Amino acid sequence: MKKNMGNIDRIIRVLIALVVIALYFANVISGTVAIVLLVLSGIFILTSLISFCPLYLPFGINTCKKND
């Protein structure tokens, strides 16, 4: 599996995930919206760790400067 996410993309995803998690623990978001956003945050963190986003493939998006 080739990497298709650059460092800036990965950092932005992790920051968004951390903000959502912080909002959840601060009781700013709750209910179904919170669950959906937490699942999305988990996906963001997972894709950031492996530097690969499956949704980028059909659209031909590649934010990685160098493919390994």
N, C-alpha and C. Protein backbone atom coordinates (compact mmCIF):
# COMPACT_ATOMS: atom_id res chain seq x y z
N MET A 1 0.85 -1.17 0.00
CA MET A 1 0.00 0.00 0.00
C MET A 1 0.90 1.24 0.00
N LYS A 2 0.73 2.06 -1.01
CA LYS A 2 1.54 3.27 -1.14
C LYS A 2 0.97 4.38 -0.27
N LYS A 3 1.85 5.17 0.27
CA LYS A 3 1.42 6.33 1.06
C LYS A 3 0.81 7.37 0.14
N ASN A 4 -0.27 7.98 0.58
CA ASN A 4 -0.87 9.05 -0.22
C ASN A 4 -1.22 10.27 0.63
N MET A 5 -0.64 10.34 1.83
CA MET A 5 -0.88 11.48 2.72
C MET A 5 0.45 12.12 3.12
N GLY A 6 0.53 13.42 2.95
CA GLY A 6 1.72 14.14 3.36
C GLY A 6 1.67 14.51 4.84
N ASN A 7 2.76 15.06 5.33
CA ASN A 7 2.87 15.39 6.76
C ASN A 7 1.85 16.43 7.20
N ILE A 8 1.63 17.45 6.38
CA ILE A 8 0.68 18.50 6.76
C ILE A 8 -0.73 17.92 6.87
N ASP A 9 -1.09 17.08 5.93
CA ASP A 9 -2.40 16.42 5.94
C ASP A 9 -2.56 15.57 7.20
N ARG A 10 -1.52 14.83 7.54
CA ARG A 10 -1.56 13.99 8.74
C ARG A 10 -1.70 14.82 10.01
N ILE A 11 -0.96 15.91 10.10
CA ILE A 11 -1.01 16.77 11.29
C ILE A 11 -2.39 17.39 11.44
N ILE A 12 -2.96 17.86 10.34
CA ILE A 12 -4.30 18.48 10.40
C ILE A 12 -5.33 17.47 10.87
N ARG A 13 -5.25 16.23 10.38
CA ARG A 13 -6.20 15.20 10.80
C ARG A 13 -6.09 14.89 12.28
N VAL A 14 -4.86 14.79 12.78
CA VAL A 14 -4.67 14.51 14.21
C VAL A 14 -5.18 15.67 15.05
N LEU A 15 -4.92 16.89 14.63
CA LEU A 15 -5.40 18.06 15.38
C LEU A 15 -6.93 18.10 15.42
N ILE A 16 -7.56 17.82 14.30
CA ILE A 16 -9.03 17.79 14.28
C ILE A 16 -9.55 16.72 15.22
N ALA A 17 -8.93 15.55 15.19
CA ALA A 17 -9.35 14.45 16.06
C ALA A 17 -9.18 14.84 17.53
N LEU A 18 -8.09 15.48 17.87
CA LEU A 18 -7.87 15.89 19.26
C LEU A 18 -8.88 16.94 19.71
N VAL A 19 -9.25 17.84 18.83
CA VAL A 19 -10.25 18.86 19.17
C VAL A 19 -11.60 18.19 19.43
N VAL A 20 -11.98 17.24 18.59
CA VAL A 20 -13.25 16.55 18.78
C VAL A 20 -13.25 15.78 20.09
N ILE A 21 -12.15 15.10 20.39
CA ILE A 21 -12.05 14.35 21.65
C ILE A 21 -12.13 15.29 22.84
N ALA A 22 -11.46 16.44 22.75
CA ALA A 22 -11.52 17.42 23.84
C ALA A 22 -12.94 17.96 24.02
N LEU A 23 -13.62 18.23 22.93
CA LEU A 23 -15.00 18.71 23.01
C LEU A 23 -15.92 17.67 23.65
N TYR A 24 -15.67 16.41 23.35
CA TYR A 24 -16.48 15.34 23.94
C TYR A 24 -16.26 15.27 25.45
N PHE A 25 -15.01 15.29 25.89
CA PHE A 25 -14.73 15.19 27.32
C PHE A 25 -15.10 16.45 28.08
N ALA A 26 -15.24 17.58 27.39
CA ALA A 26 -15.68 18.82 28.02
C ALA A 26 -17.21 18.93 27.99
N ASN A 27 -17.87 17.88 27.51
CA ASN A 27 -19.33 17.82 27.41
C ASN A 27 -19.92 18.92 26.53
N VAL A 28 -19.18 19.34 25.53
CA VAL A 28 -19.69 20.32 24.58
C VAL A 28 -20.53 19.61 23.52
N ILE A 29 -20.10 18.41 23.14
CA ILE A 29 -20.87 17.61 22.20
C ILE A 29 -21.32 16.33 22.89
N SER A 30 -22.49 15.85 22.52
CA SER A 30 -22.99 14.62 23.15
C SER A 30 -23.98 13.95 22.21
N GLY A 31 -24.40 12.77 22.58
CA GLY A 31 -25.41 12.05 21.81
C GLY A 31 -24.86 11.46 20.53
N THR A 32 -25.74 11.36 19.55
CA THR A 32 -25.39 10.74 18.28
C THR A 32 -24.30 11.51 17.55
N VAL A 33 -24.37 12.82 17.62
CA VAL A 33 -23.34 13.65 16.97
C VAL A 33 -21.97 13.34 17.55
N ALA A 34 -21.89 13.19 18.86
CA ALA A 34 -20.62 12.89 19.50
C ALA A 34 -20.09 11.54 19.06
N ILE A 35 -20.96 10.56 18.97
CA ILE A 35 -20.53 9.22 18.57
C ILE A 35 -20.00 9.23 17.14
N VAL A 36 -20.72 9.89 16.25
CA VAL A 36 -20.29 9.96 14.86
C VAL A 36 -18.94 10.69 14.75
N LEU A 37 -18.80 11.79 15.46
CA LEU A 37 -17.55 12.55 15.41
C LEU A 37 -16.39 11.79 16.05
N LEU A 38 -16.65 11.02 17.10
CA LEU A 38 -15.60 10.21 17.72
C LEU A 38 -15.15 9.09 16.79
N VAL A 39 -16.08 8.46 16.09
CA VAL A 39 -15.71 7.43 15.12
C VAL A 39 -14.89 8.04 14.00
N LEU A 40 -15.31 9.19 13.51
CA LEU A 40 -14.56 9.89 12.47
C LEU A 40 -13.16 10.27 12.97
N SER A 41 -13.06 10.68 14.22
CA SER A 41 -11.76 11.02 14.80
C SER A 41 -10.86 9.80 14.85
N GLY A 42 -11.42 8.66 15.21
CA GLY A 42 -10.65 7.42 15.23
C GLY A 42 -10.13 7.06 13.84
N ILE A 43 -10.97 7.26 12.84
CA ILE A 43 -10.55 7.00 11.46
C ILE A 43 -9.45 7.97 11.05
N PHE A 44 -9.60 9.24 11.43
CA PHE A 44 -8.56 10.23 11.13
C PHE A 44 -7.23 9.84 11.75
N ILE A 45 -7.25 9.40 12.99
CA ILE A 45 -6.00 9.03 13.66
C ILE A 45 -5.40 7.79 13.01
N LEU A 46 -6.24 6.80 12.70
CA LEU A 46 -5.75 5.58 12.06
C LEU A 46 -5.13 5.87 10.70
N THR A 47 -5.82 6.64 9.88
CA THR A 47 -5.27 6.95 8.56
C THR A 47 -4.01 7.81 8.66
N SER A 48 -3.92 8.63 9.68
CA SER A 48 -2.71 9.43 9.88
C SER A 48 -1.53 8.55 10.26
N LEU A 49 -1.78 7.54 11.07
CA LEU A 49 -0.70 6.65 11.49
C LEU A 49 -0.14 5.82 10.34
N ILE A 50 -1.01 5.40 9.42
CA ILE A 50 -0.54 4.58 8.30
C ILE A 50 -0.25 5.39 7.04
N SER A 51 -0.51 6.70 7.08
CA SER A 51 -0.26 7.62 5.96
C SER A 51 -0.99 7.21 4.68
N PHE A 52 -2.17 6.63 4.83
CA PHE A 52 -2.93 6.19 3.67
C PHE A 52 -4.41 6.45 3.91
N CYS A 53 -5.04 7.11 2.96
CA CYS A 53 -6.47 7.37 3.03
C CYS A 53 -7.14 6.69 1.84
N PRO A 54 -7.98 5.67 2.09
CA PRO A 54 -8.63 4.96 0.99
C PRO A 54 -9.56 5.85 0.16
N LEU A 55 -10.10 6.89 0.74
CA LEU A 55 -10.99 7.78 -0.02
C LEU A 55 -10.23 8.63 -1.04
N TYR A 56 -8.92 8.76 -0.88
CA TYR A 56 -8.13 9.52 -1.84
C TYR A 56 -7.97 8.76 -3.16
N LEU A 57 -8.02 7.43 -3.13
CA LEU A 57 -7.78 6.63 -4.34
C LEU A 57 -8.74 6.93 -5.49
N PRO A 58 -10.06 6.88 -5.27
CA PRO A 58 -10.96 7.11 -6.41
C PRO A 58 -10.85 8.51 -7.01
N PHE A 59 -10.41 9.46 -6.19
CA PHE A 59 -10.30 10.84 -6.66
C PHE A 59 -8.90 11.18 -7.15
N GLY A 60 -7.95 10.26 -6.99
CA GLY A 60 -6.59 10.49 -7.44
C GLY A 60 -5.83 11.53 -6.63
N ILE A 61 -6.22 11.70 -5.39
CA ILE A 61 -5.57 12.70 -4.53
C ILE A 61 -4.32 12.07 -3.91
N ASN A 62 -3.25 12.83 -3.90
CA ASN A 62 -2.01 12.40 -3.28
C ASN A 62 -1.33 13.62 -2.69
N THR A 63 -1.31 13.75 -1.36
CA THR A 63 -0.68 14.90 -0.72
C THR A 63 0.74 14.59 -0.26
N CYS A 64 1.19 13.37 -0.55
CA CYS A 64 2.54 12.94 -0.18
C CYS A 64 3.51 13.41 -1.26
N LYS A 65 4.60 14.03 -0.86
CA LYS A 65 5.56 14.51 -1.82
C LYS A 65 6.33 13.38 -2.49
N LYS A 66 6.56 12.30 -1.72
CA LYS A 66 7.36 11.19 -2.22
C LYS A 66 6.65 9.88 -1.94
N ASN A 67 6.36 9.10 -2.97
CA ASN A 67 5.72 7.78 -2.77
C ASN A 67 6.77 6.74 -2.41
N ASP A 68 6.47 5.97 -1.35
CA ASP A 68 7.38 4.88 -0.96
C ASP A 68 6.79 3.56 -1.37
